Protein backbone atom coordinates (compact mmCIF):
# COMPACT_ATOMS: atom_id res chain seq x y z
CA MET A 1 55.24 47.29 -41.70
CA ALA A 2 58.61 47.37 -43.44
CA GLU A 3 60.13 44.71 -41.15
CA SER A 4 57.47 42.07 -41.88
CA MET A 5 57.40 42.43 -45.68
CA HIS A 6 58.48 39.55 -47.85
CA PRO A 7 61.63 40.26 -49.83
CA ALA A 8 59.84 39.47 -53.15
CA ALA A 9 56.96 41.88 -52.39
CA SER A 10 56.74 45.35 -53.86
CA HIS A 11 58.26 48.05 -51.67
CA HIS A 12 55.33 50.41 -52.37
CA PRO A 13 52.07 48.57 -51.40
CA PRO A 14 48.65 50.15 -52.10
CA SER A 15 47.02 52.18 -49.32
CA PHE A 16 44.30 49.59 -48.59
CA ILE A 17 46.86 46.95 -47.54
CA THR A 18 47.10 46.96 -43.74
CA ALA A 19 49.65 45.53 -41.43
CA PRO A 20 48.78 42.50 -39.28
CA GLY A 21 46.79 43.48 -36.17
CA GLU A 22 45.52 46.80 -37.58
CA THR A 23 41.92 47.63 -38.56
CA ASP A 24 41.07 46.94 -42.18
CA VAL A 25 39.35 50.18 -43.18
CA LEU A 26 38.37 48.93 -46.65
CA MET A 27 36.61 45.86 -45.23
CA VAL A 28 34.66 47.93 -42.66
CA THR A 29 33.66 50.45 -45.34
CA MET A 30 32.50 47.71 -47.71
CA ALA A 31 30.54 45.98 -44.91
CA LEU A 32 28.68 49.23 -44.18
CA ILE A 33 28.00 49.81 -47.89
CA LEU A 34 26.73 46.23 -48.24
CA LEU A 35 24.45 46.55 -45.20
CA PHE A 36 23.05 49.88 -46.43
CA SER A 37 22.47 48.54 -49.95
CA VAL A 38 20.70 45.39 -48.68
CA LEU A 39 18.39 47.51 -46.49
CA LEU A 40 17.73 49.93 -49.35
CA PHE A 41 17.03 47.10 -51.81
CA GLY A 42 14.68 45.36 -49.33
CA THR A 43 12.77 48.57 -48.70
CA LEU A 44 12.45 49.21 -52.43
CA TYR A 45 11.34 45.61 -53.02
CA PHE A 46 8.57 45.74 -50.39
CA ARG A 47 7.46 49.21 -51.51
CA LEU A 48 7.18 47.97 -55.08
CA HIS A 49 5.11 44.96 -54.00
CA SER A 50 2.72 47.16 -52.03
CA LEU A 51 2.37 49.76 -54.82
CA PRO A 52 -0.95 48.37 -56.19
CA GLU A 53 -2.43 48.30 -52.67
CA HIS A 54 -1.43 51.91 -52.04
CA MET A 55 -2.90 52.95 -55.38
CA ALA A 56 -6.20 51.19 -54.63
CA HIS A 57 -6.30 52.70 -51.13
CA LYS A 58 -5.73 56.23 -52.41
CA GLY A 59 -8.47 55.85 -55.01
CA LYS A 60 -10.87 54.31 -52.43
CA LYS A 61 -11.51 51.35 -54.72
CA ILE A 62 -14.08 48.68 -53.94
CA GLN A 63 -11.60 45.96 -54.84
CA LEU A 64 -8.96 47.02 -52.25
CA GLU A 65 -8.98 43.66 -50.43
CA ILE A 66 -8.58 41.71 -53.66
CA VAL A 67 -5.62 43.89 -54.68
CA ALA A 68 -4.02 43.44 -51.24
CA VAL A 69 -4.38 39.65 -51.38
CA LEU A 70 -2.93 39.52 -54.90
CA GLY A 71 0.06 41.55 -53.69
CA LEU A 72 0.67 39.13 -50.82
CA ILE A 73 0.34 36.10 -53.09
CA SER A 74 2.87 37.55 -55.51
CA LEU A 75 5.22 38.38 -52.63
CA PHE A 76 5.22 34.86 -51.22
CA THR A 77 5.08 32.87 -54.46
CA HIS A 78 7.33 35.11 -56.62
CA MET A 79 4.81 34.76 -59.43
CA HIS A 80 4.68 38.22 -60.99
CA ILE A 81 1.36 37.63 -62.78
CA PHE A 82 -0.47 38.17 -59.46
CA TRP A 83 1.28 41.53 -58.98
CA ILE A 84 0.36 42.57 -62.51
CA ALA A 85 -3.27 41.51 -61.94
CA GLY A 86 -3.33 43.51 -58.70
CA LEU A 87 -1.87 46.54 -60.45
CA LEU A 88 -4.47 46.33 -63.21
CA LEU A 89 -7.28 45.99 -60.66
CA ALA A 90 -5.94 49.01 -58.77
CA LEU A 91 -5.92 51.09 -61.94
CA ILE A 92 -9.46 50.35 -63.16
CA ASP A 93 -12.76 51.43 -61.64
CA LEU A 94 -15.24 48.61 -61.20
CA PRO A 95 -18.85 49.75 -61.57
CA ASP A 96 -20.93 49.95 -58.40
CA PHE A 97 -23.76 47.48 -58.89
CA GLY A 98 -24.88 47.57 -55.25
CA GLY A 99 -26.07 51.19 -55.18
CA PRO A 100 -28.59 50.99 -58.01
CA LEU A 101 -29.80 47.55 -56.89
CA ASN A 102 -30.40 48.88 -53.38
CA ARG A 103 -32.36 51.79 -54.80
CA ILE A 104 -34.47 49.38 -56.90
CA ALA A 105 -35.12 47.22 -53.83
CA GLY A 106 -36.12 50.30 -51.80
CA SER A 107 -38.53 51.41 -54.53
CA ALA A 108 -40.06 47.93 -54.72
CA GLU A 109 -40.55 47.97 -50.94
CA LYS A 110 -42.31 51.34 -51.17
CA LEU A 111 -44.60 50.02 -53.90
CA ALA A 112 -45.40 46.96 -51.78
CA GLY A 113 -46.29 49.20 -48.85
CA LEU A 114 -43.37 48.16 -46.65
CA LYS A 115 -41.12 50.36 -44.58
CA PRO A 116 -37.51 50.62 -45.88
CA GLY A 117 -35.66 47.43 -45.00
CA GLU A 118 -38.75 45.63 -43.70
CA GLY A 119 -38.86 43.14 -46.57
CA LEU A 120 -35.19 42.28 -46.14
CA ASN A 121 -35.53 39.67 -43.40
CA GLU A 122 -39.02 38.42 -44.09
CA ASP A 123 -39.19 34.69 -44.77
CA PRO A 124 -42.50 33.69 -46.41
CA SER A 125 -42.29 30.11 -45.10
CA GLN A 126 -42.01 31.23 -41.43
CA PRO A 127 -44.94 32.90 -39.69
CA SER A 128 -43.95 36.32 -38.41
CA GLY A 129 -45.07 38.00 -35.18
CA ASP A 130 -47.62 39.92 -37.25
CA VAL A 131 -49.30 36.63 -38.25
CA ALA A 132 -49.97 35.65 -34.67
CA LYS A 133 -51.56 39.05 -33.97
CA HIS A 134 -54.01 38.77 -36.87
CA GLY A 135 -54.90 35.10 -36.40
CA VAL A 136 -53.54 33.82 -39.73
CA ASN A 137 -51.53 30.64 -40.04
CA ALA A 138 -48.44 30.02 -42.24
CA ASN A 139 -50.58 29.22 -45.33
CA GLY A 140 -52.40 32.54 -45.10
CA ASP A 141 -55.66 30.91 -43.96
CA GLU A 142 -57.75 32.61 -41.32
CA ALA A 143 -57.94 31.10 -37.91
CA ALA A 144 -61.29 30.69 -36.19
CA GLY A 145 -62.87 33.94 -34.92
CA SER A 146 -60.78 36.46 -36.91
CA SER A 147 -62.16 39.47 -38.73
CA LYS A 148 -62.05 40.71 -42.34
CA LYS A 149 -59.11 42.92 -41.41
CA SER A 150 -56.98 39.84 -40.76
CA ALA A 151 -57.96 38.40 -44.15
CA THR A 152 -56.72 41.57 -45.83
CA ALA A 153 -53.49 41.37 -43.85
CA ALA A 154 -53.04 37.76 -44.96
CA ALA A 155 -53.53 38.75 -48.60
CA ASN A 156 -50.97 41.51 -48.19
CA ARG A 157 -48.46 39.06 -46.71
CA LYS A 158 -49.00 36.61 -49.57
CA GLU A 159 -48.44 39.44 -51.99
CA ARG A 160 -45.23 40.50 -50.24
CA ALA A 161 -43.95 36.93 -50.32
CA HIS A 162 -44.22 36.94 -54.11
CA ALA A 163 -42.64 40.38 -54.54
């Protein structure tokens, strides 16, 4: 290295200065540090964006899908308000309205004399298979030649349609 030095240069160069044709150790070290830091920052960034979703998943929240979508929207749009909304939704417990309403519906079906879930798919405007058996048309009127039992069944169906 001494032969190729410029006469105006210092005779004691720093250790990171390399001669032409040799490996630049400082540049290789800095490239590895840069690559590691970019990977670490990317991992941290994605982990932070998925934090509300992980919190909602651990707590078995009802609103998990909403929190996940808000996290994705904030990731792709870089609008942090969506991430904050997802974090708030992951932290709160929404009340379960479905459970009590299902219990109320089941009790109403029992009072109406239906089996559990039987009144779920019944359409009062369409005649069911039960109507054809008892000889009653869609309006609840008796067909010719039917008995009193079919009239009672028709009244029950009318009553269920209003329940």
